[in-house]
């Protein structure tokens, strides 16, 4: 679900701003820590926090160049960081990183047509020609 969470964080920032998105990251890290089994709490919370903050850092400057590009690029960065941090902290190994990345990337790729549709709808409602 982290692939979807990365996309949703971008949408929160787009709708409500950076402060709300950063607050959601902190709350999400807390929830991750609360719900994860005790042995995985640090790995889960750290991976969530670092990946979401990286997503935020990539999405923010790219959002003006195109919503789909920003969501895609920031999500890829976030899912790679999430996979690496979680696997290393939880298991001391990156043996399964390719499977982690592929699984999370599928969620991001599934969300991109929805993001494109949302952007197109925004532009049409505003009475402009879609650039994306």
Protein backbone atom coordinates (compact mmCIF):
# COMPACT_ATOMS: atom_id res chain seq x y z
CA UNK A 1 0.00 0.00 0.00
CA UNK A 2 2.99 2.35 0.28
CA UNK A 3 2.83 2.99 -3.47
CA UNK A 4 -0.70 4.30 -3.04
CA UNK A 5 0.25 6.24 0.10
CA UNK A 6 2.96 8.09 -1.83
CA UNK A 7 0.45 9.14 -4.49
CA UNK A 8 -2.11 10.18 -1.87
CA UNK A 9 0.50 12.32 -0.10
CA UNK A 10 1.04 14.21 -3.35
CA UNK A 11 -2.70 14.80 -3.66
CA UNK A 12 -2.94 16.06 -0.08
CA UNK A 13 -0.17 18.55 -0.79
CA UNK A 14 -1.85 19.63 -4.01
CA UNK A 15 -5.20 20.16 -2.32
CA UNK A 16 -4.24 21.42 1.13
CA UNK A 17 -0.60 22.54 0.93
CA UNK A 18 2.83 21.51 2.20
CA UNK A 19 2.03 21.99 5.91
CA UNK A 20 -0.91 19.59 5.75
CA UNK A 21 1.12 17.08 3.75
CA UNK A 22 4.04 17.22 6.19
CA UNK A 23 1.62 16.85 9.10
CA UNK A 24 0.06 13.83 7.41
CA UNK A 25 3.53 12.29 7.06
CA UNK A 26 4.19 12.69 10.78
CA UNK A 27 0.77 11.27 11.70
CA UNK A 28 1.30 8.40 9.24
CA UNK A 29 4.67 7.57 10.78
CA UNK A 30 3.02 7.50 14.20
CA UNK A 31 0.24 5.21 12.95
CA UNK A 32 2.80 2.99 11.28
CA UNK A 33 4.67 2.73 14.57
CA UNK A 34 1.44 2.00 16.45
CA UNK A 35 0.16 -0.76 14.16
CA UNK A 36 3.38 -2.54 13.21
CA UNK A 37 4.46 -5.57 15.23
CA UNK A 38 6.99 -4.57 17.91
CA UNK A 39 9.96 -6.02 16.03
CA UNK A 40 9.13 -3.97 12.95
CA UNK A 41 8.08 -0.68 14.54
CA UNK A 42 11.36 1.17 14.01
CA UNK A 43 11.84 -0.17 10.47
CA UNK A 44 8.26 0.59 9.47
CA UNK A 45 8.07 4.07 10.98
CA UNK A 46 11.53 5.09 9.74
CA UNK A 47 10.86 3.79 6.22
CA UNK A 48 7.50 5.56 6.07
CA UNK A 49 8.85 8.85 7.41
CA UNK A 50 11.93 8.96 5.18
CA UNK A 51 10.13 7.84 2.02
CA UNK A 52 7.28 10.30 2.48
CA UNK A 53 9.66 13.19 3.17
CA UNK A 54 11.69 12.28 0.07
CA UNK A 55 8.45 12.13 -1.93
CA UNK A 56 7.55 15.57 -0.61
CA UNK A 57 10.97 16.97 -1.54
CA UNK A 58 10.76 15.67 -5.12
CA UNK A 59 7.08 16.44 -5.72
CA UNK A 60 7.19 20.07 -4.56
CA UNK A 61 9.52 21.49 -7.25
CA UNK A 62 8.11 19.27 -10.02
CA UNK A 63 4.40 19.91 -9.47
CA UNK A 64 4.44 23.06 -11.61
CA UNK A 65 5.98 21.14 -14.53
CA UNK A 66 3.17 18.62 -14.62
CA UNK A 67 1.11 16.71 -12.12
CA UNK A 68 1.59 13.25 -13.62
CA UNK A 69 5.37 13.75 -13.91
CA UNK A 70 5.58 15.02 -10.33
CA UNK A 71 3.52 12.16 -8.92
CA UNK A 72 5.48 9.55 -10.90
CA UNK A 73 8.97 10.87 -10.10
CA UNK A 74 8.29 11.54 -6.43
CA UNK A 75 6.61 8.17 -5.95
CA UNK A 76 9.51 6.30 -7.55
CA UNK A 77 12.00 8.05 -5.27
CA UNK A 78 9.78 7.40 -2.26
CA UNK A 79 9.19 3.72 -2.98
CA UNK A 80 12.88 3.00 -3.51
CA UNK A 81 13.77 4.70 -0.22
CA UNK A 82 10.91 2.97 1.59
CA UNK A 83 12.01 -0.44 0.31
CA UNK A 84 15.70 0.04 1.11
CA UNK A 85 15.19 1.51 4.58
CA UNK A 86 12.57 -1.02 5.63
CA UNK A 87 14.45 -4.09 4.42
CA UNK A 88 17.76 -2.95 5.87
CA UNK A 89 16.39 -1.99 9.27
CA UNK A 90 13.96 -4.90 9.59
CA UNK A 91 16.12 -7.70 8.19
CA UNK A 92 19.65 -6.32 7.73
CA UNK A 93 19.51 -7.24 4.06
CA UNK A 94 18.40 -5.84 0.72
CA UNK A 95 17.92 -9.30 -0.82
CA UNK A 96 14.25 -8.71 -1.66
CA UNK A 97 14.46 -5.08 -2.76
CA UNK A 98 13.57 -5.77 -6.40
CA UNK A 99 10.30 -7.46 -5.41
CA UNK A 100 9.48 -4.65 -3.01
CA UNK A 101 10.09 -2.02 -5.69
CA UNK A 102 8.09 -3.85 -8.37
CA UNK A 103 5.12 -4.40 -6.06
CA UNK A 104 5.00 -0.76 -4.98
CA UNK A 105 5.56 0.49 -8.54
CA UNK A 106 2.45 -1.39 -9.70
CA UNK A 107 0.33 0.67 -7.30
CA UNK A 108 1.89 3.91 -8.56
CA UNK A 109 1.38 2.92 -12.19
CA UNK A 110 -2.23 1.96 -11.49
CA UNK A 111 -2.84 5.39 -9.95
CA UNK A 112 -1.32 7.46 -12.78
CA UNK A 113 -4.32 7.25 -15.16
CA UNK A 114 -6.54 8.46 -12.31
CA UNK A 115 -4.12 11.34 -11.63
CA UNK A 116 -4.09 12.22 -15.34
CA UNK A 117 -7.90 12.19 -15.44
CA UNK A 118 -8.09 14.40 -12.33
CA UNK A 119 -5.64 16.92 -13.83
CA UNK A 120 -7.47 16.94 -17.15
CA UNK A 121 -10.77 17.53 -15.36
CA UNK A 122 -9.28 20.40 -13.32
CA UNK A 123 -8.04 22.09 -16.47
CA UNK A 124 -11.31 21.61 -18.35
CA UNK A 125 -13.33 22.96 -15.43
CA UNK A 126 -11.05 26.00 -15.38
CA UNK A 127 -11.77 26.46 -19.11
CA UNK A 128 -8.23 25.88 -20.39
CA UNK A 129 -6.78 23.36 -22.82
CA UNK A 130 -5.05 20.48 -21.01
CA UNK A 131 -1.26 20.59 -21.23
CA UNK A 132 -0.86 17.01 -20.03
